[in-house]
Amino acid sequence: MEWMALLVAGVFEWGWPVGLKLGWSPSGAHWGWLAFAALSMGASGALLLIAQRQIAMGTAYAVWTGIGAVGTFVLGILLFGEAATIERFFCVALIVAGIVGLKIASK
């Protein structure tokens, strides 16, 4: 249950950077996207709270931010045309290895 909450919390972490990116443009604020970002932040934090009841805080936080980082990396490439270089993918693979390692090493 707690690991599932942590996974979903990590997915909600994708929402707020996307919402913030789309929430402001040269023409001004886009309140729907900013609200989406705020809701994503709240949901992500609430699920992290649930996850930390059984998962060590350091592990939960590292996995949470790692899922968020990897997800936003992929979304940046897919949605915003960000660079998809081998160097960037290698670094993200290191993050994924850390997430998997923390899951394996947790009690």
Protein backbone atom coordinates (compact mmCIF):
# COMPACT_ATOMS: atom_id res chain seq x y z
CA MET A 1 0.00 0.00 0.00
CA GLU A 2 2.70 2.51 0.98
CA TRP A 3 4.86 1.74 -2.06
CA MET A 4 1.85 2.20 -4.33
CA ALA A 5 1.09 5.53 -2.62
CA LEU A 6 4.71 6.53 -3.15
CA LEU A 7 4.59 5.59 -6.83
CA VAL A 8 1.40 7.59 -7.38
CA ALA A 9 2.88 10.50 -5.40
CA GLY A 10 5.84 10.45 -7.76
CA VAL A 11 3.52 10.55 -10.76
CA PHE A 12 1.71 13.55 -9.29
CA GLU A 13 5.15 15.16 -9.06
CA TRP A 14 5.10 15.31 -12.86
CA GLY A 15 2.01 17.50 -12.78
CA TRP A 16 3.33 20.53 -11.05
CA PRO A 17 6.38 21.28 -13.24
CA VAL A 18 4.21 20.77 -16.34
CA GLY A 19 1.49 22.97 -14.85
CA LEU A 20 3.99 25.68 -14.00
CA LYS A 21 5.60 25.50 -17.45
CA LEU A 22 2.22 25.84 -19.16
CA GLY A 23 0.86 28.23 -16.53
CA TRP A 24 2.84 31.22 -17.68
CA SER A 25 3.46 32.55 -21.15
CA PRO A 26 4.33 35.90 -22.70
CA SER A 27 0.58 36.59 -22.82
CA GLY A 28 0.28 36.12 -19.05
CA ALA A 29 -0.96 33.60 -16.51
CA HIS A 30 -3.03 30.56 -17.43
CA TRP A 31 -4.90 29.98 -14.20
CA GLY A 32 -6.16 26.51 -15.10
CA TRP A 33 -2.63 25.20 -15.52
CA LEU A 34 -1.48 26.96 -12.35
CA ALA A 35 -4.38 25.36 -10.46
CA PHE A 36 -3.41 22.00 -11.95
CA ALA A 37 0.13 22.54 -10.63
CA ALA A 38 -1.16 23.40 -7.15
CA LEU A 39 -3.46 20.38 -7.06
CA SER A 40 -0.63 18.13 -8.20
CA MET A 41 1.59 19.48 -5.43
CA GLY A 42 -1.07 18.86 -2.80
CA ALA A 43 -1.87 15.34 -4.00
CA SER A 44 1.79 14.45 -4.26
CA GLY A 45 2.55 15.70 -0.76
CA ALA A 46 -0.46 13.95 0.75
CA LEU A 47 0.53 10.64 -0.81
CA LEU A 48 4.12 11.10 0.35
CA LEU A 49 2.76 11.57 3.85
CA ILE A 50 0.92 8.25 3.57
CA ALA A 51 3.99 6.50 2.17
CA GLN A 52 6.23 7.71 4.98
CA ARG A 53 4.12 5.90 7.56
CA GLN A 54 5.93 2.67 6.65
CA ILE A 55 8.80 3.68 4.37
CA ALA A 56 11.87 5.38 5.84
CA MET A 57 11.76 9.12 5.24
CA GLY A 58 15.07 9.28 3.37
CA THR A 59 14.12 6.39 1.11
CA ALA A 60 10.62 7.73 0.47
CA TYR A 61 11.87 11.21 -0.33
CA ALA A 62 14.63 10.00 -2.64
CA VAL A 63 12.28 7.67 -4.52
CA TRP A 64 9.58 10.38 -4.70
CA THR A 65 11.91 12.98 -6.15
CA GLY A 66 13.53 10.40 -8.42
CA ILE A 67 10.19 9.37 -9.93
CA GLY A 68 9.39 13.04 -10.38
CA ALA A 69 12.74 13.79 -11.99
CA VAL A 70 12.61 10.87 -14.41
CA GLY A 71 9.00 11.56 -15.35
CA THR A 72 9.53 15.24 -15.97
CA PHE A 73 12.65 14.42 -17.98
CA VAL A 74 10.59 12.19 -20.29
CA LEU A 75 7.70 14.66 -20.46
CA GLY A 76 10.12 17.46 -21.29
CA ILE A 77 11.33 15.50 -24.29
CA LEU A 78 7.87 14.37 -25.41
CA LEU A 79 5.90 17.56 -24.80
CA PHE A 80 8.40 20.38 -25.01
CA GLY A 81 11.06 19.16 -27.43
CA GLU A 82 13.85 19.17 -24.89
CA ALA A 83 17.18 17.59 -25.82
CA ALA A 84 17.23 13.77 -25.97
CA THR A 85 20.97 13.21 -25.83
CA ILE A 86 22.74 10.04 -24.79
CA GLU A 87 24.42 11.93 -21.95
CA ARG A 88 21.07 13.00 -20.50
CA PHE A 89 19.66 9.48 -20.79
CA PHE A 90 22.74 8.06 -19.07
CA CYS A 91 22.31 10.43 -16.14
CA VAL A 92 18.61 9.59 -15.85
CA ALA A 93 19.53 5.89 -15.91
CA LEU A 94 21.67 6.56 -12.84
CA ILE A 95 18.63 8.05 -11.10
CA VAL A 96 16.55 4.99 -12.02
CA ALA A 97 19.31 2.72 -10.70
CA GLY A 98 19.23 4.66 -7.43
CA ILE A 99 15.45 4.32 -7.15
CA VAL A 100 15.61 0.57 -7.79
CA GLY A 101 18.50 0.21 -5.37
CA LEU A 102 16.61 2.01 -2.60
CA LYS A 103 13.56 -0.18 -3.15
CA ILE A 104 15.67 -3.35 -3.00
CA ALA A 105 17.57 -2.15 0.07
CA SER A 106 14.49 -1.08 2.03
CA LYS A 107 13.08 -3.33 4.70
